[in-house]
Amino acid sequence: MLPATSKLCAAISYRHLRNMTGLRRQAAVAISQELSRLASHSPAPSSWIHQVRRRSSLLSSRLEEKPFSEMEMSYIKQGEEALQKSLRILEDQDDWKTETVAGNGDKVLSKVLPGVGKVFRLEVVVDQPLDTVYGELVDNMEQMGDWNPNVKEVRILEKIGKDTVITHEKAAATPGNIVGPRDFVSVRCSKRRGSTCVLAGMSTTYGAMPEQEGFIRAENGPTCMVLRPLPGSPSQTRLTWLLSIDLKGWLPKTIINQVLSQTQVDFAKHLRQRLARPA
């Protein structure tokens, strides 16, 4: 279903097809059916999916801005693919195993998926409203290296429309240099509908950012963060972070698993510290 939907979206993006109302209607119906199918599986992300359907289709808000080039459309489709894959992983509540539970209730879970490998899921509650958390993670993403010791640099290489960006991230050296220097080139897609935000991403290729000397080009995705107000407490935000990374190189799985789960725990700690600083 999704491949066919993607083709319809791509077709409508070209200038000479934008006025073909029949094709637009067919695409909207296809996307609505796909969202309905996803919403029926689990209540976890369904509220966000319903918000998307009520406010606008996935393509209408984007394609009215301007026609996109074929390359830009490919990046938009990659971002949408990362979002859809991430939500499907989070919808499936079976077989998650506990990796870490911190004293404050922060929890890291994991599961192994065919064709993807081991994925990690962080569940935390942040004592800040959603707008504040969203602003730090999306609007100020290039400042992440200032407060997260696990990140050396995040740089936006290109913005495509309202929702999609291409980024280059450099990971900071790990203690004892267990994992050598890694970098990532990613396409990121952010969707904010009603009271729920989804920030999704996956690795991509970008001609202006080839592999860098001294860094191993790692791969991530599908990955996403879901932000929702804590029920009954709008001043707090529930954050779910799905992490999927292939660090490449010759690294024992035990070390990789330890590093990734600890990275998520550390992220929550440093994010709270960042948000608690004086304005």
Protein backbone atom coordinates (compact mmCIF):
# COMPACT_ATOMS: atom_id res chain seq x y z
CA MET A 1 0.00 0.00 0.00
CA LEU A 2 2.68 2.48 0.99
CA PRO A 3 4.72 2.15 -2.23
CA ALA A 4 1.63 2.92 -4.30
CA THR A 5 0.79 5.87 -2.09
CA SER A 6 4.33 7.22 -2.46
CA LYS A 7 4.02 7.06 -6.25
CA LEU A 8 0.80 9.04 -6.15
CA CYS A 9 2.43 11.67 -3.93
CA ALA A 10 5.37 11.96 -6.30
CA ALA A 11 3.10 12.30 -9.32
CA ILE A 12 1.13 15.17 -7.83
CA SER A 13 4.35 17.08 -7.04
CA TYR A 14 5.06 17.80 -10.71
CA ARG A 15 3.73 21.11 -11.96
CA HIS A 16 1.85 19.74 -14.98
CA LEU A 17 -0.16 17.33 -12.78
CA ARG A 18 -1.01 19.63 -9.90
CA ASN A 19 -4.39 20.62 -11.35
CA MET A 20 -5.58 17.05 -11.96
CA THR A 21 -8.17 16.88 -9.20
CA GLY A 22 -8.93 13.21 -9.85
CA LEU A 23 -5.36 12.17 -9.13
CA ARG A 24 -5.20 14.40 -6.07
CA ARG A 25 -8.44 12.85 -4.78
CA GLN A 26 -7.11 9.35 -5.43
CA ALA A 27 -3.94 10.11 -3.48
CA ALA A 28 -5.85 11.60 -0.57
CA VAL A 29 -8.12 8.55 -0.38
CA ALA A 30 -5.12 6.20 -0.50
CA ILE A 31 -3.35 8.01 2.31
CA SER A 32 -6.52 8.15 4.41
CA GLN A 33 -6.94 4.38 4.03
CA GLU A 34 -3.33 3.77 5.02
CA LEU A 35 -3.64 5.97 8.12
CA SER A 36 -6.84 4.16 9.09
CA ARG A 37 -5.04 0.82 8.85
CA LEU A 38 -2.23 2.06 11.08
CA ALA A 39 -4.60 3.58 13.59
CA SER A 40 -6.50 0.33 14.04
CA HIS A 41 -3.50 -1.64 15.29
CA SER A 42 -2.73 0.06 18.58
CA PRO A 43 -3.84 3.06 20.62
CA ALA A 44 -0.28 4.28 21.17
CA PRO A 45 0.27 6.51 18.10
CA SER A 46 -3.31 6.46 16.81
CA SER A 47 -4.18 9.84 18.33
CA TRP A 48 -1.47 11.46 16.25
CA ILE A 49 -2.63 9.64 13.13
CA HIS A 50 -6.20 10.83 13.67
CA GLN A 51 -4.92 14.39 14.12
CA VAL A 52 -3.16 14.17 10.78
CA ARG A 53 -6.29 12.95 9.04
CA ARG A 54 -8.50 15.64 10.53
CA ARG A 55 -6.26 18.61 9.84
CA SER A 56 -4.81 17.77 6.44
CA SER A 57 -3.52 14.94 4.33
CA LEU A 58 0.20 14.22 4.47
CA LEU A 59 0.67 15.78 1.05
CA SER A 60 -1.69 18.76 0.92
CA SER A 61 0.12 21.01 3.40
CA ARG A 62 3.42 20.35 1.69
CA LEU A 63 2.64 20.35 -2.02
CA GLU A 64 0.77 23.65 -1.99
CA GLU A 65 3.97 25.53 -1.05
CA LYS A 66 5.95 25.05 -4.25
CA PRO A 67 6.85 22.34 -6.74
CA PHE A 68 9.76 20.21 -5.57
CA SER A 69 12.54 18.80 -7.66
CA GLU A 70 12.82 15.06 -8.15
CA MET A 71 15.72 14.93 -5.67
CA GLU A 72 13.80 16.94 -3.07
CA MET A 73 10.80 14.65 -3.46
CA SER A 74 13.03 11.62 -2.90
CA TYR A 75 14.20 13.09 0.43
CA ILE A 76 10.62 13.92 1.45
CA LYS A 77 9.58 10.34 0.68
CA GLN A 78 12.54 9.00 2.70
CA GLY A 79 11.45 11.09 5.69
CA GLU A 80 7.88 9.82 5.38
CA GLU A 81 9.18 6.26 5.10
CA ALA A 82 11.21 6.68 8.29
CA LEU A 83 8.14 8.03 10.07
CA GLN A 84 5.84 5.22 8.94
CA LYS A 85 8.37 2.47 9.73
CA SER A 86 9.07 3.94 13.18
CA LEU A 87 5.38 4.13 14.07
CA ARG A 88 4.82 0.53 13.00
CA ILE A 89 7.68 -0.59 15.27
CA LEU A 90 6.28 1.35 18.22
CA GLU A 91 2.76 0.06 17.58
CA ASP A 92 3.89 -3.51 18.16
CA GLN A 93 3.98 -3.88 21.95
CA ASP A 94 5.17 -7.51 21.93
CA ASP A 95 8.62 -8.88 22.78
CA TRP A 96 10.15 -5.72 24.23
CA LYS A 97 12.76 -6.56 26.88
CA THR A 98 13.91 -4.24 29.65
CA GLU A 99 17.52 -3.07 29.31
CA THR A 100 17.71 -0.39 32.01
CA VAL A 101 15.41 1.20 34.59
CA ALA A 102 16.77 4.32 36.29
CA GLY A 103 15.84 5.43 39.78
CA ASN A 104 13.73 8.28 38.41
CA GLY A 105 11.64 5.90 36.30
CA ASP A 106 13.46 6.38 32.97
CA LYS A 107 13.33 3.09 31.10
CA VAL A 108 15.18 1.63 28.11
CA LEU A 109 13.62 -1.36 26.31
CA SER A 110 14.88 -3.33 23.32
CA LYS A 111 13.83 -5.90 20.77
CA VAL A 112 15.34 -7.57 17.70
CA LEU A 113 13.59 -7.03 14.38
CA PRO A 114 14.16 -9.02 11.17
CA GLY A 115 15.99 -6.94 8.60
CA VAL A 116 16.59 -4.12 11.09
CA GLY A 117 18.49 -5.66 14.00
CA LYS A 118 18.28 -4.57 17.61
CA VAL A 119 16.33 -1.42 18.34
CA PHE A 120 16.13 0.51 21.60
CA ARG A 121 13.20 2.44 23.05
CA LEU A 122 13.53 5.11 25.72
CA GLU A 123 10.47 6.04 27.80
CA VAL A 124 10.75 9.14 29.99
CA VAL A 125 8.69 11.99 31.41
CA VAL A 126 10.21 15.47 31.23
CA ASP A 127 9.04 18.19 33.60
CA GLN A 128 8.60 20.73 30.83
CA PRO A 129 5.66 21.50 28.49
CA LEU A 130 5.68 20.04 25.00
CA ASP A 131 6.39 23.38 23.28
CA THR A 132 9.60 23.79 25.25
CA VAL A 133 10.83 20.25 24.51
CA TYR A 134 9.85 20.51 20.85
CA GLY A 135 11.64 23.82 20.46
CA GLU A 136 14.87 22.42 21.89
CA LEU A 137 14.86 19.24 19.80
CA VAL A 138 13.64 20.71 16.51
CA ASP A 139 14.08 24.48 16.34
CA ASN A 140 17.42 24.39 18.18
CA MET A 141 18.75 21.05 16.94
CA GLU A 142 22.05 22.58 15.81
CA GLN A 143 22.76 23.51 19.44
CA MET A 144 22.57 19.91 20.66
CA GLY A 145 26.35 19.63 20.74
CA ASP A 146 26.37 22.41 23.38
CA TRP A 147 24.52 20.34 25.97
CA ASN A 148 24.75 16.66 24.96
CA PRO A 149 28.30 15.32 25.52
CA ASN A 150 27.56 12.37 23.23
CA VAL A 151 27.13 14.75 20.28
CA LYS A 152 30.01 16.75 18.86
CA GLU A 153 28.07 18.62 16.19
CA VAL A 154 24.73 18.74 14.38
CA ARG A 155 24.55 20.79 11.21
CA ILE A 156 21.60 21.34 8.89
CA LEU A 157 22.76 20.85 5.30
CA GLU A 158 19.46 21.61 3.57
CA LYS A 159 15.86 22.44 4.41
CA ILE A 160 13.11 21.07 2.16
CA GLY A 161 9.69 22.57 2.72
CA LYS A 162 8.32 22.87 6.24
CA ASP A 163 8.91 19.36 7.50
CA THR A 164 12.12 17.91 6.05
CA VAL A 165 15.81 18.63 6.64
CA ILE A 166 19.09 16.95 5.73
CA THR A 167 21.60 16.93 8.59
CA HIS A 168 25.19 15.95 9.28
CA GLU A 169 25.93 14.74 12.80
CA LYS A 170 29.24 13.96 14.41
CA ALA A 171 29.26 11.73 17.49
CA ALA A 172 31.59 12.63 20.33
CA ALA A 173 34.30 10.20 21.39
CA THR A 174 33.17 7.61 23.95
CA PRO A 175 34.99 7.16 27.29
CA GLY A 176 38.13 5.16 26.71
CA ASN A 177 37.56 5.62 22.96
CA ILE A 178 35.70 2.28 22.89
CA VAL A 179 33.85 3.42 19.77
CA GLY A 180 35.91 5.46 17.32
CA PRO A 181 34.71 8.69 15.64
CA ARG A 182 31.39 8.21 13.82
CA ASP A 183 29.32 10.54 11.71
CA PHE A 184 25.88 10.35 10.10
CA VAL A 185 24.08 11.98 7.21
CA SER A 186 20.34 11.84 7.85
CA VAL A 187 17.02 12.95 6.45
CA ARG A 188 14.69 14.13 9.22
CA CYS A 189 10.94 14.61 9.08
CA SER A 190 9.03 16.49 11.80
CA LYS A 191 5.25 16.35 12.11
CA ARG A 192 3.29 18.34 14.63
CA ARG A 193 -0.44 17.69 14.71
CA GLY A 194 -2.55 18.78 17.63
CA SER A 195 -1.02 17.71 20.93
CA THR A 196 1.42 15.16 19.49
CA CYS A 197 4.75 15.59 17.73
CA VAL A 198 6.73 12.96 15.84
CA LEU A 199 10.35 13.55 14.82
CA ALA A 200 11.56 10.77 12.53
CA GLY A 201 14.73 10.12 10.56
CA MET A 202 16.96 7.70 8.74
CA SER A 203 20.34 7.68 7.02
CA THR A 204 20.62 9.02 3.50
CA THR A 205 23.22 10.00 0.94
CA TYR A 206 23.98 13.63 0.15
CA GLY A 207 26.41 14.56 -2.59
CA ALA A 208 27.77 17.63 -0.82
CA MET A 209 28.68 15.59 2.29
CA PRO A 210 30.76 12.55 1.28
CA GLU A 211 32.50 10.38 3.87
CA GLN A 212 34.84 12.43 6.03
CA GLU A 213 38.47 11.63 6.76
CA GLY A 214 38.92 10.37 10.31
CA PHE A 215 35.26 9.31 10.67
CA ILE A 216 33.42 6.06 10.02
CA ARG A 217 30.11 6.80 8.28
CA ALA A 218 27.55 4.99 10.45
CA GLU A 219 23.87 4.48 9.61
CA ASN A 220 20.73 5.10 11.61
CA GLY A 221 17.08 4.48 11.18
CA PRO A 222 14.35 4.13 11.18
CA THR A 223 14.40 6.25 14.32
CA CYS A 224 11.97 8.69 15.87
CA MET A 225 10.94 10.65 18.94
CA VAL A 226 7.29 10.96 19.92
CA LEU A 227 6.32 13.84 22.21
CA ARG A 228 2.96 13.97 23.98
CA PRO A 229 1.66 15.94 26.97
CA LEU A 230 1.39 13.76 30.05
CA PRO A 231 -2.33 13.02 30.57
CA GLY A 232 -3.69 15.30 33.29
CA SER A 233 -0.44 17.30 33.48
CA PRO A 234 0.12 19.56 30.44
CA SER A 235 3.26 21.02 32.04
CA GLN A 236 4.98 17.63 31.59
CA THR A 237 5.90 15.79 28.40
CA ARG A 238 6.12 12.07 27.74
CA LEU A 239 9.02 11.36 25.39
CA THR A 240 9.47 8.07 23.54
CA TRP A 241 12.71 7.66 21.59
CA LEU A 242 13.10 4.77 19.15
CA LEU A 243 16.80 4.29 18.35
CA SER A 244 18.18 2.08 15.58
CA ILE A 245 21.87 2.44 14.67
CA ASP A 246 24.46 0.46 12.76
CA LEU A 247 27.80 1.80 14.01
CA LYS A 248 29.74 -0.12 11.33
CA GLY A 249 33.29 -1.32 11.93
CA TRP A 250 34.37 -4.30 14.02
CA LEU A 251 32.62 -3.90 17.35
CA PRO A 252 31.33 -6.67 19.65
CA LYS A 253 27.54 -6.60 19.98
CA THR A 254 27.79 -6.51 23.76
CA ILE A 255 29.71 -3.24 23.58
CA ILE A 256 27.34 -1.76 21.01
CA ASN A 257 24.28 -2.64 23.11
CA GLN A 258 25.84 -1.16 26.24
CA VAL A 259 26.84 2.05 24.46
CA LEU A 260 23.46 2.61 22.81
CA SER A 261 21.32 1.98 25.88
CA GLN A 262 23.59 4.21 27.97
CA THR A 263 23.41 6.89 25.27
CA GLN A 264 19.65 7.04 25.68
CA VAL A 265 19.82 7.26 29.47
CA ASP A 266 22.43 10.01 29.22
CA PHE A 267 20.36 11.89 26.67
CA ALA A 268 17.39 12.12 29.04
CA LYS A 269 19.63 13.39 31.84
CA HIS A 270 21.31 16.05 29.72
CA LEU A 271 18.03 17.14 28.12
CA ARG A 272 16.54 17.78 31.56
CA GLN A 273 19.59 19.79 32.55
CA ARG A 274 19.34 21.85 29.37
CA LEU A 275 15.63 22.56 29.84
CA ALA A 276 16.09 23.46 33.51
CA ARG A 277 18.60 26.23 32.77
CA PRO A 278 17.43 29.84 33.24
CA ALA A 279 15.79 31.29 30.14
